[in-house]
Amino acid sequence: MEQHGRPGRPASDRKGVGGTALAERRPRPRWRQRLATTLDLIRANPTGRVTLKIFIAIAGALVVTIGIALIPLPGPGWLLVIAGLGIWAVEFHWARRLLGFTRRHVHNWTQWVKRRSLAVRFALGAVGMVFVGAVVWLSLKYSFGIDVVAEALHYLATH
């Protein structure tokens, strides 16, 4: 099934008439075309469609769960949550909409930050680093019983 233009855009926003808008768009990468064809073949069979939905649901849930577990720690927690949404978006419309919403807001946030002065960007970075430091400190303190701040203050007082 061929799409003409972007979904959700009125026909008056599209360039040209009929299929001319497709000529202006870059062709899909070869691996994406193969993946789309493979998924279409799997979906053509009722058993394959159900199996694919179950596989996508489990794989997405696994990635999202790992991402959520890693959010308080420094690292790719949010990236994994968004990747899990991307996996779910292959089969589930609600995940596709949520992923689009997330992309828009992350893009708007980064554009807003880019328009700010260097001082504001440094302040935002500092606030982010303090937040991550506090999360790491609290995670270590309440998960492993290691109070890094108390240990550092004790070290400074004795040396």
C-alpha atoms as a PDB file:
ATOM      1  CA  MET A   1       0.000   0.000   0.000  1.00  0.00           C
ATOM      2  CA  GLU A   2       1.549   3.273  -1.091  1.00  0.00           C
ATOM      3  CA  GLN A   3       1.189   6.433   0.969  1.00  0.00           C
ATOM      4  CA  HIS A   4       0.956   9.775  -0.759  1.00  0.00           C
ATOM      5  CA  GLY A   5       2.421  12.486   1.435  1.00  0.00           C
ATOM      6  CA  ARG A   6       2.537  12.496   5.201  1.00  0.00           C
ATOM      7  CA  PRO A   7      -0.389  11.102   7.151  1.00  0.00           C
ATOM      8  CA  GLY A   8      -2.479  13.758   8.819  1.00  0.00           C
ATOM      9  CA  ARG A   9      -1.536  16.535   6.405  1.00  0.00           C
ATOM     10  CA  PRO A  10      -4.233  17.944   4.154  1.00  0.00           C
ATOM     11  CA  ALA A  11      -3.826  17.460   0.434  1.00  0.00           C
ATOM     12  CA  SER A  12      -3.389  21.220  -0.076  1.00  0.00           C
ATOM     13  CA  ASP A  13      -0.114  21.110   1.914  1.00  0.00           C
ATOM     14  CA  ARG A  14       1.407  18.503  -0.354  1.00  0.00           C
ATOM     15  CA  LYS A  15       3.572  19.568  -3.238  1.00  0.00           C
ATOM     16  CA  GLY A  16       2.452  18.682  -6.716  1.00  0.00           C
ATOM     17  CA  VAL A  17      -0.531  16.659  -7.771  1.00  0.00           C
ATOM     18  CA  GLY A  18      -0.987  12.933  -7.398  1.00  0.00           C
ATOM     19  CA  GLY A  19       2.283  11.017  -7.088  1.00  0.00           C
ATOM     20  CA  THR A  20       4.708  13.878  -7.768  1.00  0.00           C
ATOM     21  CA  ALA A  21       5.286  14.384  -4.037  1.00  0.00           C
ATOM     22  CA  LEU A  22       6.781  10.893  -3.881  1.00  0.00           C
ATOM     23  CA  ALA A  23       9.464  11.805  -6.414  1.00  0.00           C
ATOM     24  CA  GLU A  24      10.725  14.561  -4.100  1.00  0.00           C
ATOM     25  CA  ARG A  25      10.998  12.291  -1.057  1.00  0.00           C
ATOM     26  CA  ARG A  26      14.105  10.283  -0.411  1.00  0.00           C
ATOM     27  CA  PRO A  27      13.627   6.560  -0.996  1.00  0.00           C
ATOM     28  CA  ARG A  28      13.503   4.282   2.032  1.00  0.00           C
ATOM     29  CA  PRO A  29      16.782   2.648   2.988  1.00  0.00           C
ATOM     30  CA  ARG A  30      17.019  -0.880   1.701  1.00  0.00           C
ATOM     31  CA  TRP A  31      16.958  -2.512   5.153  1.00  0.00           C
ATOM     32  CA  ARG A  32      13.767  -0.638   6.082  1.00  0.00           C
ATOM     33  CA  GLN A  33      12.101  -1.770   2.883  1.00  0.00           C
ATOM     34  CA  ARG A  34      13.083  -5.391   3.621  1.00  0.00           C
ATOM     35  CA  LEU A  35      11.822  -5.095   7.192  1.00  0.00           C
ATOM     36  CA  ALA A  36       8.505  -3.623   6.017  1.00  0.00           C
ATOM     37  CA  THR A  37       8.110  -6.398   3.445  1.00  0.00           C
ATOM     38  CA  THR A  38       8.910  -9.074   6.034  1.00  0.00           C
ATOM     39  CA  LEU A  39       6.431  -7.633   8.515  1.00  0.00           C
ATOM     40  CA  ASP A  40       3.755  -7.458   5.798  1.00  0.00           C
ATOM     41  CA  LEU A  41       4.360 -11.134   4.963  1.00  0.00           C
ATOM     42  CA  ILE A  42       4.059 -12.107   8.626  1.00  0.00           C
ATOM     43  CA  ARG A  43       0.884 -10.047   9.030  1.00  0.00           C
ATOM     44  CA  ALA A  44      -0.674 -11.718   5.974  1.00  0.00           C
ATOM     45  CA  ASN A  45      -1.104 -14.930   7.979  1.00  0.00           C
ATOM     46  CA  PRO A  46      -3.577 -14.784  10.915  1.00  0.00           C
ATOM     47  CA  THR A  47      -1.293 -16.904  13.113  1.00  0.00           C
ATOM     48  CA  GLY A  48       1.689 -14.787  12.138  1.00  0.00           C
ATOM     49  CA  ARG A  49      -0.213 -11.598  12.956  1.00  0.00           C
ATOM     50  CA  VAL A  50      -1.059 -12.796  16.485  1.00  0.00           C
ATOM     51  CA  THR A  51       2.436 -14.174  17.035  1.00  0.00           C
ATOM     52  CA  LEU A  52       3.998 -10.913  15.863  1.00  0.00           C
ATOM     53  CA  LYS A  53       1.751  -8.890  18.204  1.00  0.00           C
ATOM     54  CA  ILE A  54       2.694 -11.104  21.157  1.00  0.00           C
ATOM     55  CA  PHE A  55       6.411 -10.976  20.298  1.00  0.00           C
ATOM     56  CA  ILE A  56       6.367  -7.179  19.879  1.00  0.00           C
ATOM     57  CA  ALA A  57       4.404  -6.750  23.125  1.00  0.00           C
ATOM     58  CA  ILE A  58       6.862  -8.892  25.113  1.00  0.00           C
ATOM     59  CA  ALA A  59      10.006  -7.405  23.533  1.00  0.00           C
ATOM     60  CA  GLY A  60       8.756  -3.842  24.033  1.00  0.00           C
ATOM     61  CA  ALA A  61       7.716  -4.564  27.631  1.00  0.00           C
ATOM     62  CA  LEU A  62      11.133  -6.034  28.394  1.00  0.00           C
ATOM     63  CA  VAL A  63      12.997  -3.020  26.988  1.00  0.00           C
ATOM     64  CA  VAL A  64      10.656  -0.512  28.673  1.00  0.00           C
ATOM     65  CA  THR A  65      10.926  -2.349  32.015  1.00  0.00           C
ATOM     66  CA  ILE A  66      14.727  -2.341  31.892  1.00  0.00           C
ATOM     67  CA  GLY A  67      14.657   1.332  30.899  1.00  0.00           C
ATOM     68  CA  ILE A  68      12.356   2.238  33.791  1.00  0.00           C
ATOM     69  CA  ALA A  69      14.615   0.353  36.191  1.00  0.00           C
ATOM     70  CA  LEU A  70      17.612   2.332  34.896  1.00  0.00           C
ATOM     71  CA  ILE A  71      15.983   5.794  34.985  1.00  0.00           C
ATOM     72  CA  PRO A  72      17.233   6.681  38.485  1.00  0.00           C
ATOM     73  CA  LEU A  73      20.779   5.702  37.558  1.00  0.00           C
ATOM     74  CA  PRO A  74      23.043   7.644  35.235  1.00  0.00           C
ATOM     75  CA  GLY A  75      22.881   5.986  31.870  1.00  0.00           C
ATOM     76  CA  PRO A  76      20.473   5.168  29.090  1.00  0.00           C
ATOM     77  CA  GLY A  77      17.261   4.736  31.110  1.00  0.00           C
ATOM     78  CA  TRP A  78      15.085   7.165  29.165  1.00  0.00           C
ATOM     79  CA  LEU A  79      16.702   6.102  25.910  1.00  0.00           C
ATOM     80  CA  LEU A  80      15.670   2.509  26.577  1.00  0.00           C
ATOM     81  CA  VAL A  81      12.122   3.547  27.467  1.00  0.00           C
ATOM     82  CA  ILE A  82      11.866   5.432  24.165  1.00  0.00           C
ATOM     83  CA  ALA A  83      13.421   2.472  22.323  1.00  0.00           C
ATOM     84  CA  GLY A  84      10.801   0.194  23.885  1.00  0.00           C
ATOM     85  CA  LEU A  85       8.106   2.582  22.694  1.00  0.00           C
ATOM     86  CA  GLY A  86       9.658   2.345  19.236  1.00  0.00           C
ATOM     87  CA  ILE A  87       9.400  -1.444  19.382  1.00  0.00           C
ATOM     88  CA  TRP A  88       5.762  -1.235  20.460  1.00  0.00           C
ATOM     89  CA  ALA A  89       5.089   1.338  17.721  1.00  0.00           C
ATOM     90  CA  VAL A  90       5.727  -1.357  15.108  1.00  0.00           C
ATOM     91  CA  GLU A  91       2.404  -2.980  16.029  1.00  0.00           C
ATOM     92  CA  PHE A  92       0.426  -0.692  18.332  1.00  0.00           C
ATOM     93  CA  HIS A  93      -1.127   2.581  17.231  1.00  0.00           C
ATOM     94  CA  TRP A  94      -1.235   4.049  20.766  1.00  0.00           C
ATOM     95  CA  ALA A  95       2.544   3.543  21.068  1.00  0.00           C
ATOM     96  CA  ARG A  96       3.093   5.220  17.690  1.00  0.00           C
ATOM     97  CA  ARG A  97       1.108   8.260  18.864  1.00  0.00           C
ATOM     98  CA  LEU A  98       2.921   8.357  22.215  1.00  0.00           C
ATOM     99  CA  LEU A  99       6.282   8.089  20.458  1.00  0.00           C
ATOM    100  CA  GLY A 100       5.334  10.962  18.140  1.00  0.00           C
ATOM    101  CA  PHE A 101       4.236  13.029  21.156  1.00  0.00           C
ATOM    102  CA  THR A 102       7.545  12.297  22.901  1.00  0.00           C
ATOM    103  CA  ARG A 103       9.593  13.159  19.824  1.00  0.00           C
ATOM    104  CA  ARG A 104       7.769  16.464  19.383  1.00  0.00           C
ATOM    105  CA  HIS A 105       8.270  17.484  22.985  1.00  0.00           C
ATOM    106  CA  VAL A 106      11.929  16.446  23.111  1.00  0.00           C
ATOM    107  CA  HIS A 107      12.515  18.340  19.855  1.00  0.00           C
ATOM    108  CA  ASN A 108      10.691  21.421  21.195  1.00  0.00           C
ATOM    109  CA  TRP A 109      12.710  21.257  24.432  1.00  0.00           C
ATOM    110  CA  THR A 110      16.039  21.040  22.602  1.00  0.00           C
ATOM    111  CA  GLN A 111      15.062  23.903  20.286  1.00  0.00           C
ATOM    112  CA  TRP A 112      14.054  26.002  23.305  1.00  0.00           C
ATOM    113  CA  VAL A 113      17.382  25.275  25.019  1.00  0.00           C
ATOM    114  CA  LYS A 114      19.335  26.115  21.852  1.00  0.00           C
ATOM    115  CA  ARG A 115      17.695  29.550  21.709  1.00  0.00           C
ATOM    116  CA  ARG A 116      18.825  30.385  25.245  1.00  0.00           C
ATOM    117  CA  SER A 117      22.077  32.123  26.137  1.00  0.00           C
ATOM    118  CA  LEU A 118      25.171  30.154  27.083  1.00  0.00           C
ATOM    119  CA  ALA A 119      24.716  31.100  30.753  1.00  0.00           C
ATOM    120  CA  VAL A 120      21.193  29.675  30.814  1.00  0.00           C
ATOM    121  CA  ARG A 121      22.401  26.485  29.123  1.00  0.00           C
ATOM    122  CA  PHE A 122      25.168  26.113  31.717  1.00  0.00           C
ATOM    123  CA  ALA A 123      22.609  26.676  34.497  1.00  0.00           C
ATOM    124  CA  LEU A 124      20.295  24.031  33.019  1.00  0.00           C
ATOM    125  CA  GLY A 125      23.246  21.638  32.712  1.00  0.00           C
ATOM    126  CA  ALA A 126      24.264  22.309  36.312  1.00  0.00           C
ATOM    127  CA  VAL A 127      20.719  21.709  37.568  1.00  0.00           C
ATOM    128  CA  GLY A 128      20.631  18.469  35.573  1.00  0.00           C
ATOM    129  CA  MET A 129      23.970  17.339  37.000  1.00  0.00           C
ATOM    130  CA  VAL A 130      22.868  18.174  40.576  1.00  0.00           C
ATOM    131  CA  PHE A 131      19.664  16.190  39.992  1.00  0.00           C
ATOM    132  CA  VAL A 132      21.563  13.169  38.646  1.00  0.00           C
ATOM    133  CA  GLY A 133      24.051  13.418  41.538  1.00  0.00           C
ATOM    134  CA  ALA A 134      21.222  13.507  44.072  1.00  0.00           C
ATOM    135  CA  VAL A 135      19.550  10.506  42.450  1.00  0.00           C
ATOM    136  CA  VAL A 136      22.808   8.533  42.451  1.00  0.00           C
ATOM    137  CA  TRP A 137      23.503   9.505  46.074  1.00  0.00           C
ATOM    138  CA  LEU A 138      20.004   8.509  47.209  1.00  0.00           C
ATOM    139  CA  SER A 139      20.129   5.290  45.181  1.00  0.00           C
ATOM    140  CA  LEU A 140      23.443   4.280  46.751  1.00  0.00           C
ATOM    141  CA  LYS A 141      22.305   5.303  50.236  1.00  0.00           C
ATOM    142  CA  TYR A 142      18.972   3.496  50.250  1.00  0.00           C
ATOM    143  CA  SER A 143      19.796   0.559  47.972  1.00  0.00           C
ATOM    144  CA  PHE A 144      23.272  -0.387  49.216  1.00  0.00           C
ATOM    145  CA  GLY A 145      23.574   1.525  52.492  1.00  0.00           C
ATOM    146  CA  ILE A 146      26.552   3.536  51.208  1.00  0.00           C
ATOM    147  CA  ASP A 147      26.367   7.201  52.187  1.00  0.00           C
ATOM    148  CA  VAL A 148      28.861   8.773  49.786  1.00  0.00           C
ATOM    149  CA  VAL A 149      28.400  12.290  51.202  1.00  0.00           C
ATOM    150  CA  ALA A 150      29.045  11.171  54.797  1.00  0.00           C
ATOM    151  CA  GLU A 151      32.079   9.182  53.663  1.00  0.00           C
ATOM    152  CA  ALA A 152      33.455  12.167  51.742  1.00  0.00           C
ATOM    153  CA  LEU A 153      32.901  14.545  54.691  1.00  0.00           C
ATOM    154  CA  HIS A 154      34.560  12.054  57.040  1.00  0.00           C
ATOM    155  CA  TYR A 155      37.521  11.714  54.679  1.00  0.00           C
ATOM    156  CA  LEU A 156      37.894  15.494  54.426  1.00  0.00           C
ATOM    157  CA  ALA A 157      37.707  15.896  58.212  1.00  0.00           C
ATOM    158  CA  THR A 158      40.366  13.256  58.911  1.00  0.00           C
ATOM    159  CA  HIS A 159      42.886  14.182  56.189  1.00  0.00           C
END
